[in-house]
Amino acid sequence: MGNLSLETIDGNQANNYIDSNTADDQLDLAMTDSESITVTVANIDLTTGDAQAPTSQLYKALRNLFFILTGAMTGARSIIVPDNKKLYIVTHECTGGFTATVKTAGGTGIGLVNGETKILYCDGTNVRFVK
């Protein structure tokens, strides 16, 4: 699987048109969809679960481009994204006056303060600000 963990199609696979439609839908979501994430008393880990299960955190991270952070933050928090190469647009709409840092589990990240929107890129190790 590639960076977005899209469904793949085996050349000899029965019903390959179904998998093609699924992969097309997943790519569409990854390029256009948004997700609201409530950030309050703990870091948010978007690396858990199955990349093909719509209720998992990993699925949300890979199938959305735009993330809106909401909630009443009680301290600085990290939003941990998978170390897949991917673009993210993140808006920090939380209250509390704390920084939300978008990062990978083992890499560096970019902080956002209340009211900021940033375009970010995960290079597979670190999250970087796109100028």
N, C-alpha and C. Protein backbone atom coordinates (compact mmCIF):
# COMPACT_ATOMS: atom_id res chain seq x y z
N MET A 1 0.84 -1.19 0.00
CA MET A 1 0.00 0.00 0.00
C MET A 1 0.88 1.25 0.00
N GLY A 2 0.38 2.30 -0.60
CA GLY A 2 1.12 3.55 -0.66
C GLY A 2 0.90 4.42 0.56
N ASN A 3 1.24 5.68 0.44
CA ASN A 3 1.17 6.62 1.55
C ASN A 3 -0.24 6.81 2.10
N LEU A 4 -1.26 6.70 1.26
CA LEU A 4 -2.63 6.88 1.72
C LEU A 4 -3.31 5.57 2.07
N SER A 5 -2.61 4.46 1.94
CA SER A 5 -3.15 3.12 2.25
C SER A 5 -4.47 2.86 1.51
N LEU A 6 -4.50 3.20 0.23
CA LEU A 6 -5.69 2.95 -0.58
C LEU A 6 -5.81 1.47 -0.90
N GLU A 7 -7.03 1.03 -1.14
CA GLU A 7 -7.25 -0.35 -1.58
C GLU A 7 -6.44 -0.58 -2.85
N THR A 8 -5.84 -1.75 -2.96
CA THR A 8 -5.09 -2.09 -4.17
C THR A 8 -5.83 -3.20 -4.92
N ILE A 9 -5.53 -3.29 -6.20
CA ILE A 9 -6.23 -4.24 -7.05
C ILE A 9 -5.23 -5.23 -7.61
N ASP A 10 -5.47 -6.50 -7.40
CA ASP A 10 -4.65 -7.57 -7.95
C ASP A 10 -5.17 -7.83 -9.37
N GLY A 11 -4.27 -8.01 -10.30
CA GLY A 11 -4.66 -8.22 -11.70
C GLY A 11 -5.59 -9.39 -11.92
N ASN A 12 -5.50 -10.42 -11.10
CA ASN A 12 -6.33 -11.62 -11.27
C ASN A 12 -7.49 -11.66 -10.28
N GLN A 13 -7.79 -10.57 -9.69
CA GLN A 13 -8.76 -10.51 -8.61
C GLN A 13 -10.20 -10.45 -9.15
N ALA A 14 -11.08 -11.24 -8.56
CA ALA A 14 -12.50 -11.17 -8.91
C ALA A 14 -13.07 -9.87 -8.35
N ASN A 15 -14.05 -9.31 -9.01
CA ASN A 15 -14.71 -8.08 -8.58
C ASN A 15 -13.74 -6.91 -8.42
N ASN A 16 -12.74 -6.82 -9.30
CA ASN A 16 -11.75 -5.75 -9.16
C ASN A 16 -12.35 -4.36 -9.38
N TYR A 17 -13.48 -4.28 -10.06
CA TYR A 17 -14.13 -2.98 -10.23
C TYR A 17 -14.62 -2.44 -8.89
N ILE A 18 -15.02 -3.32 -7.96
CA ILE A 18 -15.47 -2.89 -6.63
C ILE A 18 -14.31 -2.27 -5.88
N ASP A 19 -13.14 -2.94 -5.90
CA ASP A 19 -11.97 -2.38 -5.23
C ASP A 19 -11.52 -1.09 -5.89
N SER A 20 -11.65 -1.00 -7.21
CA SER A 20 -11.30 0.24 -7.88
C SER A 20 -12.19 1.38 -7.42
N ASN A 21 -13.49 1.12 -7.32
CA ASN A 21 -14.41 2.16 -6.83
C ASN A 21 -14.07 2.56 -5.40
N THR A 22 -13.73 1.58 -4.56
CA THR A 22 -13.36 1.87 -3.18
C THR A 22 -12.12 2.75 -3.13
N ALA A 23 -11.10 2.39 -3.91
CA ALA A 23 -9.86 3.18 -3.94
C ALA A 23 -10.13 4.59 -4.46
N ASP A 24 -10.97 4.70 -5.49
CA ASP A 24 -11.31 6.02 -6.03
C ASP A 24 -12.01 6.87 -4.96
N ASP A 25 -12.93 6.27 -4.23
CA ASP A 25 -13.62 6.98 -3.16
C ASP A 25 -12.65 7.41 -2.06
N GLN A 26 -11.74 6.52 -1.69
CA GLN A 26 -10.76 6.85 -0.65
C GLN A 26 -9.86 8.00 -1.08
N LEU A 27 -9.44 8.00 -2.33
CA LEU A 27 -8.60 9.08 -2.84
C LEU A 27 -9.37 10.40 -2.85
N ASP A 28 -10.62 10.35 -3.25
CA ASP A 28 -11.46 11.54 -3.23
C ASP A 28 -11.55 12.12 -1.82
N LEU A 29 -11.78 11.27 -0.83
CA LEU A 29 -11.85 11.73 0.56
C LEU A 29 -10.53 12.34 1.00
N ALA A 30 -9.42 11.67 0.68
CA ALA A 30 -8.11 12.14 1.12
C ALA A 30 -7.76 13.51 0.54
N MET A 31 -8.36 13.84 -0.59
CA MET A 31 -8.06 15.12 -1.23
C MET A 31 -9.07 16.21 -0.91
N THR A 32 -10.23 15.84 -0.38
CA THR A 32 -11.28 16.86 -0.25
C THR A 32 -12.01 16.90 1.08
N ASP A 33 -11.92 15.87 1.90
CA ASP A 33 -12.79 15.80 3.06
C ASP A 33 -12.18 16.47 4.29
N SER A 34 -13.04 16.73 5.27
CA SER A 34 -12.60 17.39 6.50
C SER A 34 -13.08 16.59 7.72
N GLU A 35 -12.41 16.83 8.83
CA GLU A 35 -12.74 16.14 10.08
C GLU A 35 -12.56 17.12 11.23
N SER A 36 -13.54 17.16 12.11
CA SER A 36 -13.44 17.96 13.33
C SER A 36 -12.89 17.07 14.44
N ILE A 37 -11.87 17.56 15.13
CA ILE A 37 -11.23 16.80 16.20
C ILE A 37 -11.34 17.58 17.49
N THR A 38 -11.92 16.98 18.51
CA THR A 38 -12.05 17.62 19.82
C THR A 38 -10.77 17.39 20.62
N VAL A 39 -10.14 18.50 21.02
CA VAL A 39 -8.90 18.45 21.78
C VAL A 39 -9.17 19.08 23.14
N THR A 40 -8.98 18.32 24.22
CA THR A 40 -9.26 18.86 25.55
C THR A 40 -8.12 18.53 26.52
N VAL A 41 -8.19 17.38 27.18
CA VAL A 41 -7.27 17.07 28.28
C VAL A 41 -6.13 16.12 27.91
N ALA A 42 -6.05 15.67 26.66
CA ALA A 42 -5.01 14.70 26.30
C ALA A 42 -4.57 14.92 24.85
N ASN A 43 -3.39 14.39 24.52
CA ASN A 43 -2.94 14.40 23.14
C ASN A 43 -3.88 13.54 22.30
N ILE A 44 -3.92 13.81 21.01
CA ILE A 44 -4.75 13.06 20.08
C ILE A 44 -3.84 12.22 19.20
N ASP A 45 -4.04 10.92 19.21
CA ASP A 45 -3.22 10.00 18.42
C ASP A 45 -4.03 9.52 17.22
N LEU A 46 -3.67 9.99 16.03
CA LEU A 46 -4.37 9.61 14.80
C LEU A 46 -3.67 8.47 14.08
N THR A 47 -2.87 7.68 14.81
CA THR A 47 -2.14 6.58 14.19
C THR A 47 -2.69 5.21 14.53
N THR A 48 -3.76 5.16 15.30
CA THR A 48 -4.26 3.86 15.77
C THR A 48 -5.40 3.34 14.89
N GLY A 49 -5.49 2.03 14.82
CA GLY A 49 -6.59 1.40 14.09
C GLY A 49 -6.20 0.93 12.71
N ASP A 50 -7.20 0.55 11.97
CA ASP A 50 -7.06 -0.04 10.65
C ASP A 50 -7.28 1.06 9.60
N ALA A 51 -6.37 1.16 8.65
CA ALA A 51 -6.48 2.18 7.60
C ALA A 51 -7.72 2.01 6.73
N GLN A 52 -8.37 0.83 6.79
CA GLN A 52 -9.57 0.58 5.99
C GLN A 52 -10.86 0.66 6.80
N ALA A 53 -10.76 0.92 8.10
CA ALA A 53 -11.95 0.97 8.96
C ALA A 53 -12.36 2.42 9.20
N PRO A 54 -13.51 2.85 8.67
CA PRO A 54 -13.91 4.26 8.76
C PRO A 54 -14.00 4.84 10.17
N THR A 55 -14.10 4.00 11.19
CA THR A 55 -14.20 4.52 12.55
C THR A 55 -12.84 4.67 13.23
N SER A 56 -11.77 4.21 12.59
CA SER A 56 -10.45 4.27 13.23
C SER A 56 -9.81 5.64 13.08
N GLN A 57 -8.94 5.95 14.00
CA GLN A 57 -8.21 7.23 13.97
C GLN A 57 -7.29 7.29 12.75
N LEU A 58 -6.65 6.17 12.40
CA LEU A 58 -5.76 6.13 11.24
C LEU A 58 -6.53 6.43 9.96
N TYR A 59 -7.71 5.84 9.82
CA TYR A 59 -8.55 6.11 8.66
C TYR A 59 -8.85 7.60 8.55
N LYS A 60 -9.20 8.23 9.69
CA LYS A 60 -9.50 9.66 9.69
C LYS A 60 -8.30 10.48 9.23
N ALA A 61 -7.11 10.10 9.70
CA ALA A 61 -5.90 10.85 9.34
C ALA A 61 -5.60 10.73 7.85
N LEU A 62 -5.78 9.54 7.29
CA LEU A 62 -5.43 9.31 5.89
C LEU A 62 -6.52 9.72 4.92
N ARG A 63 -7.77 9.82 5.37
CA ARG A 63 -8.89 10.09 4.47
C ARG A 63 -9.42 11.52 4.55
N ASN A 64 -8.70 12.40 5.21
CA ASN A 64 -9.12 13.79 5.30
C ASN A 64 -7.94 14.71 5.00
N LEU A 65 -8.22 15.82 4.38
CA LEU A 65 -7.19 16.82 4.10
C LEU A 65 -7.25 17.94 5.13
N PHE A 66 -8.46 18.31 5.53
CA PHE A 66 -8.68 19.49 6.37
C PHE A 66 -9.13 19.05 7.76
N PHE A 67 -8.44 19.52 8.78
CA PHE A 67 -8.77 19.19 10.16
C PHE A 67 -9.09 20.46 10.93
N ILE A 68 -10.21 20.45 11.63
CA ILE A 68 -10.62 21.57 12.48
C ILE A 68 -10.49 21.11 13.92
N LEU A 69 -9.59 21.74 14.66
CA LEU A 69 -9.39 21.40 16.07
C LEU A 69 -10.37 22.23 16.89
N THR A 70 -11.17 21.58 17.71
CA THR A 70 -12.16 22.25 18.55
C THR A 70 -12.02 21.75 19.98
N GLY A 71 -12.70 22.41 20.90
CA GLY A 71 -12.71 21.97 22.29
C GLY A 71 -12.04 22.98 23.20
N ALA A 72 -12.16 22.74 24.49
CA ALA A 72 -11.56 23.61 25.52
C ALA A 72 -10.26 22.95 26.00
N MET A 73 -9.15 23.39 25.44
CA MET A 73 -7.85 22.80 25.80
C MET A 73 -7.46 23.22 27.22
N THR A 74 -6.90 22.27 27.96
CA THR A 74 -6.46 22.54 29.33
C THR A 74 -4.94 22.63 29.42
N GLY A 75 -4.27 22.53 28.30
CA GLY A 75 -2.81 22.62 28.23
C GLY A 75 -2.38 22.42 26.80
N ALA A 76 -1.09 22.61 26.53
CA ALA A 76 -0.55 22.36 25.19
C ALA A 76 -0.74 20.89 24.84
N ARG A 77 -1.11 20.62 23.60
CA ARG A 77 -1.39 19.25 23.18
C ARG A 77 -0.71 18.94 21.85
N SER A 78 -0.46 17.65 21.63
CA SER A 78 0.07 17.17 20.36
C SER A 78 -1.03 16.43 19.61
N ILE A 79 -1.06 16.66 18.32
CA ILE A 79 -1.91 15.90 17.41
C ILE A 79 -0.94 15.01 16.64
N ILE A 80 -0.95 13.73 16.94
CA ILE A 80 0.04 12.81 16.38
C ILE A 80 -0.53 12.18 15.12
N VAL A 81 0.14 12.44 13.99
CA VAL A 81 -0.31 11.93 12.69
C VAL A 81 0.59 10.77 12.27
N PRO A 82 0.10 9.93 11.36
CA PRO A 82 0.92 8.82 10.88
C PRO A 82 2.15 9.35 10.14
N ASP A 83 3.18 8.53 10.07
CA ASP A 83 4.38 8.97 9.36
C ASP A 83 4.31 8.61 7.87
N ASN A 84 3.14 8.79 7.30
CA ASN A 84 2.92 8.65 5.87
C ASN A 84 3.11 10.02 5.23
N LYS A 85 3.65 10.06 4.03
CA LYS A 85 3.80 11.34 3.32
C LYS A 85 2.40 11.84 2.96
N LYS A 86 2.07 13.05 3.42
CA LYS A 86 0.71 13.56 3.23
C LYS A 86 0.63 15.04 3.57
N LEU A 87 -0.27 15.73 2.89
CA LEU A 87 -0.60 17.12 3.21
C LEU A 87 -1.72 17.18 4.23
N TYR A 88 -1.66 18.19 5.08
CA TYR A 88 -2.73 18.47 6.04
C TYR A 88 -2.98 19.97 6.05
N ILE A 89 -4.23 20.35 6.10
CA ILE A 89 -4.61 21.74 6.39
C ILE A 89 -5.27 21.70 7.75
N VAL A 90 -4.74 22.48 8.70
CA VAL A 90 -5.23 22.40 10.08
C VAL A 90 -5.62 23.78 10.56
N THR A 91 -6.82 23.89 11.13
CA THR A 91 -7.30 25.12 11.75
C THR A 91 -7.46 24.88 13.24
N HIS A 92 -6.90 25.78 14.04
CA HIS A 92 -6.95 25.68 15.50
C HIS A 92 -8.09 26.59 15.99
N GLU A 93 -9.24 25.99 16.32
CA GLU A 93 -10.40 26.74 16.81
C GLU A 93 -10.70 26.43 18.27
N CYS A 94 -9.73 25.84 18.99
CA CYS A 94 -9.93 25.51 20.40
C CYS A 94 -9.90 26.77 21.26
N THR A 95 -10.47 26.67 22.44
CA THR A 95 -10.35 27.73 23.43
C THR A 95 -9.30 27.30 24.45
N GLY A 96 -8.87 28.23 25.26
CA GLY A 96 -7.91 27.92 26.31
C GLY A 96 -6.57 28.60 26.12
N GLY A 97 -6.26 29.04 24.91
CA GLY A 97 -5.02 29.77 24.68
C GLY A 97 -3.77 28.92 24.61
N PHE A 98 -3.91 27.61 24.37
CA PHE A 98 -2.75 26.73 24.33
C PHE A 98 -2.39 26.35 22.90
N THR A 99 -1.14 25.96 22.70
CA THR A 99 -0.64 25.55 21.40
C THR A 99 -1.01 24.10 21.13
N ALA A 100 -1.40 23.82 19.89
CA ALA A 100 -1.61 22.46 19.41
C ALA A 100 -0.51 22.19 18.39
N THR A 101 0.27 21.15 18.63
CA THR A 101 1.39 20.81 17.75
C THR A 101 1.06 19.57 16.95
N VAL A 102 1.12 19.68 15.63
CA VAL A 102 0.88 18.55 14.73
C VAL A 102 2.24 17.93 14.44
N LYS A 103 2.38 16.63 14.77
CA LYS A 103 3.66 15.96 14.66
C LYS A 103 3.47 14.47 14.44
N THR A 104 4.56 13.80 14.07
CA THR A 104 4.55 12.34 14.05
C THR A 104 5.01 11.86 15.43
N ALA A 105 4.84 10.58 15.69
CA ALA A 105 5.21 10.04 17.01
C ALA A 105 6.69 10.21 17.30
N GLY A 106 7.54 10.05 16.29
CA GLY A 106 8.98 10.11 16.53
C GLY A 106 9.67 11.31 15.92
N GLY A 107 8.91 12.23 15.35
CA GLY A 107 9.53 13.36 14.66
C GLY A 107 9.15 14.70 15.26
N THR A 108 9.54 15.73 14.54
CA THR A 108 9.23 17.09 14.97
C THR A 108 7.91 17.52 14.35
N GLY A 109 7.37 18.63 14.87
CA GLY A 109 6.09 19.10 14.38
C GLY A 109 6.01 20.60 14.29
N ILE A 110 4.82 21.07 13.99
CA ILE A 110 4.54 22.49 13.84
C ILE A 110 3.41 22.86 14.80
N GLY A 111 3.62 23.93 15.56
CA GLY A 111 2.63 24.40 16.50
C GLY A 111 1.67 25.40 15.88
N LEU A 112 0.44 25.35 16.34
CA LEU A 112 -0.57 26.33 15.95
C LEU A 112 -1.16 26.94 17.21
N VAL A 113 -1.39 28.24 17.17
CA VAL A 113 -2.06 28.91 18.27
C VAL A 113 -3.51 29.18 17.86
N ASN A 114 -4.32 29.56 18.82
CA ASN A 114 -5.74 29.81 18.56
C ASN A 114 -5.91 30.72 17.34
N GLY A 115 -6.82 30.32 16.46
CA GLY A 115 -7.16 31.14 15.31
C GLY A 115 -6.29 30.90 14.09
N GLU A 116 -5.21 30.14 14.20
CA GLU A 116 -4.32 29.92 13.07
C GLU A 116 -4.82 28.77 12.19
N THR A 117 -4.54 28.91 10.90
CA THR A 117 -4.71 27.84 9.93
C THR A 117 -3.39 27.70 9.21
N LYS A 118 -2.90 26.47 9.10
CA LYS A 118 -1.63 26.23 8.42
C LYS A 118 -1.76 25.04 7.48
N ILE A 119 -1.01 25.12 6.39
CA ILE A 119 -0.86 23.99 5.48
C ILE A 119 0.42 23.29 5.90
N LEU A 120 0.30 21.99 6.19
CA LEU A 120 1.42 21.22 6.70
C LEU A 120 1.69 20.02 5.80
N TYR A 121 2.94 19.56 5.81
CA TYR A 121 3.31 18.39 5.03
C TYR A 121 4.09 17.43 5.92
N CYS A 122 3.66 16.19 5.97
CA CYS A 122 4.42 15.14 6.65
C CYS A 122 5.31 14.50 5.60
N ASP A 123 6.62 14.54 5.84
CA ASP A 123 7.58 13.98 4.88
C ASP A 123 7.92 12.51 5.14
N GLY A 124 7.18 11.90 6.06
CA GLY A 124 7.42 10.52 6.42
C GLY A 124 8.14 10.39 7.76
N THR A 125 8.69 11.51 8.24
CA THR A 125 9.38 11.54 9.53
C THR A 125 8.92 12.72 10.38
N ASN A 126 8.92 13.90 9.77
CA ASN A 126 8.58 15.14 10.46
C ASN A 126 7.41 15.82 9.77
N VAL A 127 6.74 16.70 10.52
CA VAL A 127 5.70 17.53 9.94
C VAL A 127 6.30 18.92 9.73
N ARG A 128 6.15 19.44 8.53
CA ARG A 128 6.76 20.71 8.14
C ARG A 128 5.69 21.71 7.72
N PHE A 129 6.02 22.98 7.88
CA PHE A 129 5.15 24.07 7.45
C PHE A 129 5.37 24.30 5.96
N VAL A 130 4.30 24.41 5.20
CA VAL A 130 4.38 24.70 3.76
C VAL A 130 4.27 26.20 3.60
N LYS A 131 5.25 26.79 2.99
CA LYS A 131 5.26 28.26 2.84
C LYS A 131 4.48 28.68 1.63
